[in-house]
Protein backbone atom coordinates (compact mmCIF):
# COMPACT_ATOMS: atom_id res chain seq x y z
CA MET A 1 0.04 -0.01 0.02
CA SER A 2 1.41 3.43 -1.06
CA THR A 3 2.08 6.04 1.82
CA ILE A 4 1.09 9.58 1.04
CA LEU A 5 1.88 12.69 3.08
CA VAL A 6 -0.81 15.30 2.88
CA VAL A 7 0.42 18.75 3.79
CA ASP A 8 -2.16 21.61 3.96
CA ASP A 9 -2.91 24.17 6.52
CA GLU A 10 -6.80 23.92 6.09
CA ALA A 11 -8.04 21.09 8.17
CA GLY A 12 -11.05 20.66 5.85
CA VAL A 13 -8.76 20.24 2.78
CA ARG A 14 -6.46 17.68 4.69
CA ASP A 15 -9.49 15.66 5.88
CA LEU A 16 -11.06 15.70 2.31
CA LEU A 17 -7.77 14.50 0.68
CA CYS A 18 -7.08 11.83 3.43
CA ASP A 19 -10.48 10.43 3.02
CA ALA A 20 -10.40 10.25 -0.79
CA LEU A 21 -6.80 8.65 -0.75
CA ARG A 22 -7.93 6.16 1.94
CA ILE A 23 -11.00 5.02 -0.12
CA ALA A 24 -8.75 4.83 -3.22
CA GLY A 25 -6.51 2.24 -1.39
CA TYR A 26 -3.65 4.42 -0.01
CA GLU A 27 -2.37 5.01 3.35
CA PRO A 28 -2.51 8.74 4.02
CA GLU A 29 -0.82 10.78 6.74
CA ALA A 30 -1.61 14.56 7.44
CA ALA A 31 0.67 17.60 8.46
CA SER A 32 -0.62 21.24 8.93
CA ASP A 33 2.54 22.98 7.53
CA GLY A 34 5.91 22.22 5.99
CA ALA A 35 7.93 21.97 9.42
CA GLU A 36 5.57 19.52 10.64
CA ALA A 37 5.69 17.54 7.40
CA MET A 38 9.52 17.60 7.37
CA LYS A 39 9.41 15.78 10.92
CA LEU A 40 7.07 13.23 9.63
CA TRP A 41 9.07 12.72 6.41
CA LYS A 42 12.38 12.18 8.66
CA SER A 43 10.58 9.61 10.81
CA ARG A 44 9.15 7.32 7.98
CA GLU A 45 9.14 6.55 4.46
CA PHE A 46 6.61 8.09 2.04
CA ASP A 47 5.90 7.18 -1.60
CA LEU A 48 4.40 10.82 -2.30
CA CYS A 49 3.82 14.14 -0.67
CA ILE A 50 0.79 16.27 -1.56
CA VAL A 51 1.84 19.80 -0.56
CA ASP A 52 -0.17 23.04 -0.49
CA ILE A 53 1.89 26.22 -1.65
CA ASN A 54 0.47 28.83 0.69
CA MET A 55 1.18 27.57 4.45
CA PRO A 56 2.41 29.13 7.72
CA THR A 57 5.84 28.40 9.36
CA MET A 58 7.13 26.59 6.24
CA ASP A 59 5.38 26.91 2.92
CA GLY A 60 5.38 24.59 0.26
CA PHE A 61 8.33 26.03 -1.63
CA GLU A 62 10.53 25.83 1.44
CA PHE A 63 9.32 22.26 2.17
CA ILE A 64 10.32 21.10 -1.62
CA GLU A 65 13.68 22.91 -1.25
CA THR A 66 14.39 21.52 2.21
CA LEU A 67 13.48 17.94 0.95
CA ARG A 68 15.58 18.07 -2.21
CA ASN A 69 18.65 19.93 -0.33
CA GLN A 70 18.56 16.85 2.09
CA GLY A 71 18.76 14.39 -0.75
CA GLY A 72 15.06 13.53 -0.57
CA ALA A 73 13.84 12.15 -4.00
CA THR A 74 10.13 11.51 -2.77
CA PRO A 75 7.97 12.76 -5.48
CA VAL A 76 5.86 15.99 -4.74
CA LEU A 77 2.42 16.81 -6.04
CA LEU A 78 1.90 20.56 -5.69
CA LEU A 79 -1.41 22.14 -4.85
CA SER A 80 -1.61 25.84 -6.17
CA ALA A 81 -4.36 28.51 -6.27
CA ARG A 82 -5.97 28.97 -9.48
CA ASP A 83 -4.24 32.41 -10.31
CA SER A 84 -0.69 31.36 -9.39
CA ALA A 85 0.88 30.26 -12.65
CA THR A 86 4.11 31.73 -11.60
CA ASP A 87 3.98 29.74 -8.39
CA VAL A 88 3.46 26.51 -10.27
CA ALA A 89 6.39 27.24 -12.47
CA ARG A 90 8.63 28.00 -9.51
CA GLY A 91 7.49 24.76 -7.92
CA LEU A 92 8.33 22.53 -10.96
CA ARG A 93 11.71 24.36 -11.15
CA ILE A 94 12.79 23.55 -7.59
CA GLY A 95 11.70 19.76 -7.84
CA ALA A 96 7.93 19.46 -7.78
CA ASP A 97 6.82 16.49 -10.00
CA ASP A 98 3.28 17.77 -10.91
CA TYR A 99 0.73 20.13 -9.67
CA VAL A 100 -3.13 20.41 -9.30
CA ARG A 101 -4.89 23.88 -9.19
CA LYS A 102 -7.35 24.67 -6.32
CA PRO A 103 -10.28 24.12 -6.33
CA PHE A 104 -9.67 20.75 -7.58
CA SER A 105 -11.56 17.77 -8.71
CA LEU A 106 -10.93 14.71 -6.71
CA GLU A 107 -11.08 12.59 -9.69
CA GLU A 108 -8.38 14.53 -11.40
CA LEU A 109 -6.16 14.52 -8.40
CA LEU A 110 -6.44 10.83 -7.74
CA LEU A 111 -5.64 10.22 -11.59
CA ARG A 112 -2.47 12.32 -11.13
CA VAL A 113 -1.51 10.59 -7.87
CA ALA A 114 -1.77 7.21 -9.67
CA ALA A 115 0.33 8.60 -12.65
CA ILE A 116 3.13 9.70 -10.45
CA LEU A 117 3.25 6.59 -8.45
CA ARG A 118 3.31 4.45 -11.59
CA ARG A 119 6.15 6.62 -12.90
CA THR A 120 8.26 6.42 -9.69
CA SER A 121 7.44 2.77 -8.59
CA GLY A 122 9.62 0.96 -10.93
CA PRO A 123 9.31 -0.52 -14.47
CA ALA A 124 7.01 -3.35 -13.51
CA GLU A 125 4.16 -0.74 -13.31
CA GLU A 126 2.07 -0.40 -16.28
CA ASP A 127 1.70 3.09 -17.81
CA LEU A 128 -1.51 5.18 -17.29
CA ALA A 129 -3.60 4.83 -20.39
CA TYR A 130 -7.17 5.69 -21.65
CA HIS A 131 -8.87 3.82 -24.50
CA CYS A 132 -11.84 4.83 -26.71
CA GLY A 133 -12.54 2.72 -29.79
CA ALA A 134 -9.14 2.50 -31.72
CA LEU A 135 -7.94 5.59 -29.83
CA THR A 136 -5.36 5.10 -27.03
CA MET A 137 -3.89 7.76 -24.84
CA ASN A 138 -0.88 7.09 -22.87
CA ILE A 139 -0.49 9.70 -20.18
CA ASP A 140 3.13 8.74 -18.91
CA ARG A 141 4.52 8.59 -22.54
CA HIS A 142 2.74 11.70 -23.46
CA GLU A 143 1.57 9.68 -26.77
CA VAL A 144 -1.83 9.35 -28.64
CA LEU A 145 -2.34 6.52 -31.03
CA TYR A 146 -5.07 5.75 -33.40
CA GLY A 147 -4.47 1.98 -33.80
CA ALA A 148 -0.80 1.92 -34.42
CA GLU A 149 -0.38 5.27 -35.91
CA VAL A 150 0.99 8.10 -33.48
CA ILE A 151 -1.05 11.21 -33.63
CA GLU A 152 1.00 14.41 -33.21
CA MET A 153 -0.44 16.99 -30.67
CA SER A 154 0.32 20.31 -29.15
CA ALA A 155 0.32 20.48 -25.24
CA THR A 156 -3.06 22.12 -25.38
CA GLU A 157 -4.61 19.52 -27.66
CA PHE A 158 -3.38 16.81 -25.51
CA ARG A 159 -4.67 18.10 -22.17
CA LEU A 160 -8.03 18.68 -23.66
CA LEU A 161 -8.08 15.20 -24.94
CA GLU A 162 -6.76 13.79 -21.68
CA ILE A 163 -9.70 15.41 -19.71
CA LEU A 164 -12.33 14.23 -22.22
CA MET A 165 -10.62 10.71 -22.17
CA ALA A 166 -10.41 10.44 -18.46
CA ARG A 167 -14.27 11.09 -18.18
CA LYS A 168 -15.20 9.06 -21.09
CA ASN A 169 -18.99 9.03 -21.70
CA ARG A 170 -19.56 11.89 -19.33
CA LEU A 171 -20.83 15.36 -20.22
CA LEU A 172 -18.18 18.15 -19.60
CA THR A 173 -19.63 21.77 -19.73
CA ARG A 174 -17.97 24.45 -21.43
CA GLU A 175 -17.23 26.11 -18.15
CA GLN A 176 -15.63 22.93 -16.90
CA LEU A 177 -13.12 22.67 -20.03
CA LEU A 178 -12.34 26.29 -20.11
CA ASN A 179 -11.42 26.20 -16.39
CA GLU A 180 -9.40 23.02 -16.43
CA VAL A 181 -7.37 23.78 -19.78
CA TRP A 182 -7.14 27.36 -19.93
CA ASP A 183 -7.88 28.44 -16.30
CA ILE A 184 -10.74 30.60 -17.48
CA ASP A 185 -13.36 30.22 -14.71
CA PHE A 186 -16.40 31.62 -16.75
CA ASP A 187 -17.84 31.07 -20.20
CA SER A 188 -16.50 34.14 -21.95
CA GLU A 189 -17.10 35.02 -25.58
CA THR A 190 -13.70 33.31 -26.40
CA SER A 191 -13.77 30.71 -29.03
CA VAL A 192 -10.64 29.04 -28.11
CA LEU A 193 -12.55 25.78 -26.84
CA ASP A 194 -14.41 25.45 -30.16
CA THR A 195 -11.25 25.98 -31.97
CA TYR A 196 -9.31 23.28 -30.24
CA ILE A 197 -12.17 20.99 -30.31
CA SER A 198 -12.22 21.32 -34.03
CA TYR A 199 -8.39 20.69 -34.07
CA LEU A 200 -9.01 17.27 -32.14
CA ARG A 201 -11.78 16.21 -34.47
CA LYS A 202 -9.67 16.60 -37.44
CA LYS A 203 -7.04 14.41 -35.93
CA VAL A 204 -9.05 11.70 -34.14
CA HIS A 205 -12.32 11.61 -36.23
CA ARG A 206 -11.75 8.95 -39.02
CA ASP A 207 -13.07 5.70 -40.46
CA GLY A 208 -16.58 6.55 -39.34
CA PHE A 209 -15.38 6.95 -35.81
CA ALA A 210 -16.45 10.29 -34.39
CA PRO A 211 -16.14 10.07 -30.43
CA ILE A 212 -16.20 13.89 -29.58
CA VAL A 213 -20.04 14.73 -29.42
CA THR A 214 -21.27 18.40 -28.98
CA VAL A 215 -24.14 18.77 -26.42
CA ARG A 216 -25.67 21.95 -27.85
CA GLY A 217 -25.94 24.90 -25.50
CA VAL A 218 -24.03 22.65 -22.69
CA GLY A 219 -20.73 21.40 -23.72
CA PHE A 220 -18.99 18.19 -25.02
CA LYS A 221 -18.22 14.62 -24.36
CA LEU A 222 -16.22 11.81 -25.65
CA VAL A 223 -18.07 8.48 -26.34
CA ASP A 224 -16.97 5.05 -27.44
CA SER A 225 -18.42 3.51 -30.63
CA ALA A 226 -21.12 1.82 -28.68
CA ASN A 227 -22.52 5.04 -27.31
CA SER A 228 -21.82 7.39 -30.30
CA GLN A 229 -25.20 6.79 -31.82
């Protein structure tokens, strides 16, 4: 069972994360700031740390820097406020392995936790991959295949398709997609979502296979061939 250290100064967030991780089969332990987390990290081994940036006493940046300076290779998933893109970049530069923006979807967070643990637990573990008809998306390899053919994608196209694939057969609103891909927390007049949906359709719709469906006035969903009618 993978052990995960959850570090956040908000008790409600700590409890929520620990409950979700426990239900998902992990063994979580919580700390309210970086200083407390360092004491726990020195006392036992953890497979992953989930760390908030903004905390008293020792914030997330200080925790990562201290961890890495002491030779710690434990992977770190950073929790970041929605408007802190520069903070995220800094965190990745000093040794964070990935990040999730607050407020976050538990489903997305658990997927990222699983992906990090797969990458760091050795070659015996399989890569995290999604499937839809002939379409395969390997997250760890950052690769999209239609059958055996590699489909080249930009980072934004990959991120949009990843969200659709991870929630196959579920409707995603325009607001959800704009927020999760472009950090736009309202449905503005921008046409960027429609533009990238069009890009994806040109690349993955072929041979009668058309998995990206528009739900007029609401959003989009990705369906497998059995549900595409």
